[in-house]
Amino acid sequence: IMSDSSAASRTAESIFNLMLIPGMNETMAQNIFQSGFGSFQSVAQASVEDIMSIPGYDDPTKAEKLIGDA
């Protein structure tokens, strides 16, 4: 069980980590985080099909580019 402040801190840390991906903005990072990816490493290791479940990345070309950028 985590406190609200601890959970918020982990969320902010994860979103900051995702924003290290080139071309990433905070809104995109939040969408990726809410889809279950907590770091750019988890995005880099994901399959194209997994990435395509993220809103805005339903195109295989976009999904592949995100994986490559990560």
N, C-alpha and C. Protein backbone atom coordinates (compact mmCIF):
# COMPACT_ATOMS: atom_id res chain seq x y z
N ILE A 1 0.86 -1.18 0.00
CA ILE A 1 0.00 0.00 0.00
C ILE A 1 0.90 1.23 0.00
N MET A 2 0.59 2.16 -0.92
CA MET A 2 1.37 3.39 -1.05
C MET A 2 0.53 4.58 -0.64
N SER A 3 1.17 5.58 -0.09
CA SER A 3 0.47 6.82 0.22
C SER A 3 0.21 7.57 -1.08
N ASP A 4 -0.74 8.49 -1.05
CA ASP A 4 -1.05 9.28 -2.24
C ASP A 4 0.16 10.05 -2.74
N SER A 5 0.93 10.62 -1.81
CA SER A 5 2.10 11.41 -2.22
C SER A 5 3.16 10.51 -2.85
N SER A 6 3.32 9.32 -2.34
CA SER A 6 4.29 8.37 -2.91
C SER A 6 3.85 7.94 -4.30
N ALA A 7 2.58 7.66 -4.47
CA ALA A 7 2.06 7.26 -5.78
C ALA A 7 2.20 8.41 -6.78
N ALA A 8 1.90 9.63 -6.34
CA ALA A 8 2.02 10.80 -7.22
C ALA A 8 3.47 11.01 -7.62
N SER A 9 4.38 10.79 -6.68
CA SER A 9 5.81 10.95 -6.96
C SER A 9 6.27 9.92 -8.00
N ARG A 10 5.83 8.67 -7.84
CA ARG A 10 6.20 7.63 -8.81
C ARG A 10 5.61 7.93 -10.19
N THR A 11 4.39 8.43 -10.22
CA THR A 11 3.76 8.79 -11.49
C THR A 11 4.56 9.89 -12.18
N ALA A 12 4.88 10.95 -11.45
CA ALA A 12 5.64 12.07 -12.01
C ALA A 12 7.01 11.60 -12.50
N GLU A 13 7.64 10.73 -11.74
CA GLU A 13 8.96 10.20 -12.12
C GLU A 13 8.85 9.38 -13.42
N SER A 14 7.82 8.58 -13.53
CA SER A 14 7.62 7.76 -14.73
C SER A 14 7.36 8.64 -15.95
N ILE A 15 6.53 9.66 -15.79
CA ILE A 15 6.22 10.55 -16.91
C ILE A 15 7.47 11.32 -17.32
N PHE A 16 8.25 11.78 -16.35
CA PHE A 16 9.52 12.45 -16.67
C PHE A 16 10.43 11.50 -17.46
N ASN A 17 10.51 10.25 -17.02
CA ASN A 17 11.34 9.26 -17.71
C ASN A 17 10.86 9.07 -19.15
N LEU A 18 9.57 8.97 -19.36
CA LEU A 18 9.03 8.79 -20.71
C LEU A 18 9.29 10.01 -21.59
N MET A 19 9.38 11.19 -20.98
CA MET A 19 9.63 12.40 -21.75
C MET A 19 11.07 12.48 -22.25
N LEU A 20 11.92 11.53 -21.85
CA LEU A 20 13.28 11.47 -22.39
C LEU A 20 13.29 10.93 -23.82
N ILE A 21 12.18 10.35 -24.25
CA ILE A 21 12.07 9.87 -25.64
C ILE A 21 12.00 11.11 -26.55
N PRO A 22 12.84 11.15 -27.59
CA PRO A 22 12.83 12.31 -28.49
C PRO A 22 11.44 12.60 -29.05
N GLY A 23 11.05 13.87 -29.04
CA GLY A 23 9.77 14.29 -29.60
C GLY A 23 8.58 14.09 -28.67
N MET A 24 8.82 13.62 -27.47
CA MET A 24 7.74 13.31 -26.52
C MET A 24 7.32 14.58 -25.78
N ASN A 25 6.01 14.78 -25.64
CA ASN A 25 5.53 15.86 -24.79
C ASN A 25 4.81 15.24 -23.59
N GLU A 26 4.42 16.08 -22.64
CA GLU A 26 3.86 15.56 -21.39
C GLU A 26 2.54 14.81 -21.61
N THR A 27 1.70 15.32 -22.50
CA THR A 27 0.42 14.66 -22.76
C THR A 27 0.63 13.26 -23.35
N MET A 28 1.55 13.16 -24.31
CA MET A 28 1.85 11.86 -24.91
C MET A 28 2.42 10.92 -23.86
N ALA A 29 3.31 11.43 -23.01
CA ALA A 29 3.91 10.61 -21.96
C ALA A 29 2.84 10.12 -20.98
N GLN A 30 1.87 10.97 -20.66
CA GLN A 30 0.79 10.56 -19.76
C GLN A 30 -0.04 9.44 -20.39
N ASN A 31 -0.33 9.55 -21.69
CA ASN A 31 -1.08 8.49 -22.38
C ASN A 31 -0.32 7.17 -22.34
N ILE A 32 0.97 7.24 -22.58
CA ILE A 32 1.80 6.03 -22.57
C ILE A 32 1.83 5.43 -21.17
N PHE A 33 2.00 6.28 -20.15
CA PHE A 33 2.02 5.81 -18.76
C PHE A 33 0.69 5.16 -18.40
N GLN A 34 -0.42 5.80 -18.77
CA GLN A 34 -1.74 5.26 -18.45
C GLN A 34 -2.02 3.96 -19.19
N SER A 35 -1.27 3.69 -20.24
CA SER A 35 -1.42 2.43 -20.98
C SER A 35 -0.54 1.33 -20.41
N GLY A 36 0.18 1.63 -19.32
CA GLY A 36 0.93 0.61 -18.61
C GLY A 36 2.43 0.62 -18.81
N PHE A 37 2.96 1.63 -19.47
CA PHE A 37 4.40 1.72 -19.69
C PHE A 37 4.97 2.77 -18.75
N GLY A 38 5.89 2.35 -17.87
CA GLY A 38 6.40 3.26 -16.85
C GLY A 38 7.77 3.85 -17.13
N SER A 39 8.38 3.46 -18.26
CA SER A 39 9.71 3.99 -18.57
C SER A 39 9.97 3.85 -20.07
N PHE A 40 10.97 4.61 -20.55
CA PHE A 40 11.30 4.47 -21.96
C PHE A 40 11.86 3.08 -22.25
N GLN A 41 12.47 2.45 -21.24
CA GLN A 41 12.99 1.09 -21.42
C GLN A 41 11.85 0.11 -21.69
N SER A 42 10.75 0.26 -20.96
CA SER A 42 9.61 -0.64 -21.18
C SER A 42 9.00 -0.43 -22.55
N VAL A 43 9.03 0.81 -23.05
CA VAL A 43 8.54 1.09 -24.41
C VAL A 43 9.48 0.46 -25.43
N ALA A 44 10.79 0.61 -25.21
CA ALA A 44 11.78 0.07 -26.15
C ALA A 44 11.70 -1.44 -26.27
N GLN A 45 11.29 -2.12 -25.21
CA GLN A 45 11.23 -3.58 -25.20
C GLN A 45 9.85 -4.13 -25.59
N ALA A 46 8.89 -3.24 -25.81
CA ALA A 46 7.52 -3.67 -26.11
C ALA A 46 7.39 -4.11 -27.57
N SER A 47 6.38 -4.90 -27.82
CA SER A 47 6.08 -5.30 -29.20
C SER A 47 5.27 -4.18 -29.87
N VAL A 48 5.27 -4.20 -31.19
CA VAL A 48 4.49 -3.22 -31.95
C VAL A 48 3.01 -3.33 -31.55
N GLU A 49 2.53 -4.55 -31.37
CA GLU A 49 1.12 -4.76 -31.00
C GLU A 49 0.81 -4.13 -29.65
N ASP A 50 1.74 -4.24 -28.68
CA ASP A 50 1.53 -3.62 -27.37
C ASP A 50 1.46 -2.10 -27.50
N ILE A 51 2.35 -1.53 -28.28
CA ILE A 51 2.38 -0.07 -28.45
C ILE A 51 1.12 0.40 -29.17
N MET A 52 0.60 -0.41 -30.07
CA MET A 52 -0.59 -0.02 -30.82
C MET A 52 -1.83 0.09 -29.93
N SER A 53 -1.75 -0.40 -28.69
CA SER A 53 -2.87 -0.26 -27.76
C SER A 53 -2.90 1.14 -27.12
N ILE A 54 -1.84 1.92 -27.32
CA ILE A 54 -1.77 3.28 -26.77
C ILE A 54 -2.51 4.23 -27.71
N PRO A 55 -3.42 5.06 -27.17
CA PRO A 55 -4.12 6.03 -28.02
C PRO A 55 -3.12 6.89 -28.81
N GLY A 56 -3.35 7.00 -30.11
CA GLY A 56 -2.48 7.80 -30.96
C GLY A 56 -1.37 7.01 -31.63
N TYR A 57 -1.19 5.76 -31.24
CA TYR A 57 -0.14 4.92 -31.81
C TYR A 57 -0.73 3.66 -32.44
N ASP A 58 -1.97 3.77 -32.97
CA ASP A 58 -2.64 2.62 -33.54
C ASP A 58 -2.14 2.27 -34.95
N ASP A 59 -1.26 3.08 -35.49
CA ASP A 59 -0.64 2.83 -36.79
C ASP A 59 0.68 2.10 -36.54
N PRO A 60 0.91 0.96 -37.22
CA PRO A 60 2.17 0.21 -36.99
C PRO A 60 3.43 1.05 -37.22
N THR A 61 3.39 1.96 -38.19
CA THR A 61 4.55 2.81 -38.47
C THR A 61 4.84 3.73 -37.28
N LYS A 62 3.80 4.32 -36.71
CA LYS A 62 3.97 5.19 -35.53
C LYS A 62 4.48 4.38 -34.34
N ALA A 63 3.93 3.18 -34.18
CA ALA A 63 4.33 2.32 -33.07
C ALA A 63 5.81 1.95 -33.20
N GLU A 64 6.24 1.57 -34.41
CA GLU A 64 7.64 1.21 -34.65
C GLU A 64 8.56 2.39 -34.40
N LYS A 65 8.12 3.59 -34.81
CA LYS A 65 8.95 4.79 -34.60
C LYS A 65 9.11 5.06 -33.10
N LEU A 66 8.02 4.93 -32.33
CA LEU A 66 8.11 5.15 -30.89
C LEU A 66 9.08 4.16 -30.26
N ILE A 67 8.98 2.90 -30.63
CA ILE A 67 9.90 1.89 -30.10
C ILE A 67 11.35 2.23 -30.46
N GLY A 68 11.55 2.61 -31.70
CA GLY A 68 12.89 2.98 -32.16
C GLY A 68 13.44 4.21 -31.44
N ASP A 69 12.59 5.20 -31.23
CA ASP A 69 13.01 6.42 -30.52
C ASP A 69 13.37 6.12 -29.07
N ALA A 70 12.60 5.20 -28.48
CA ALA A 70 12.86 4.85 -27.07
C ALA A 70 14.17 4.10 -26.96
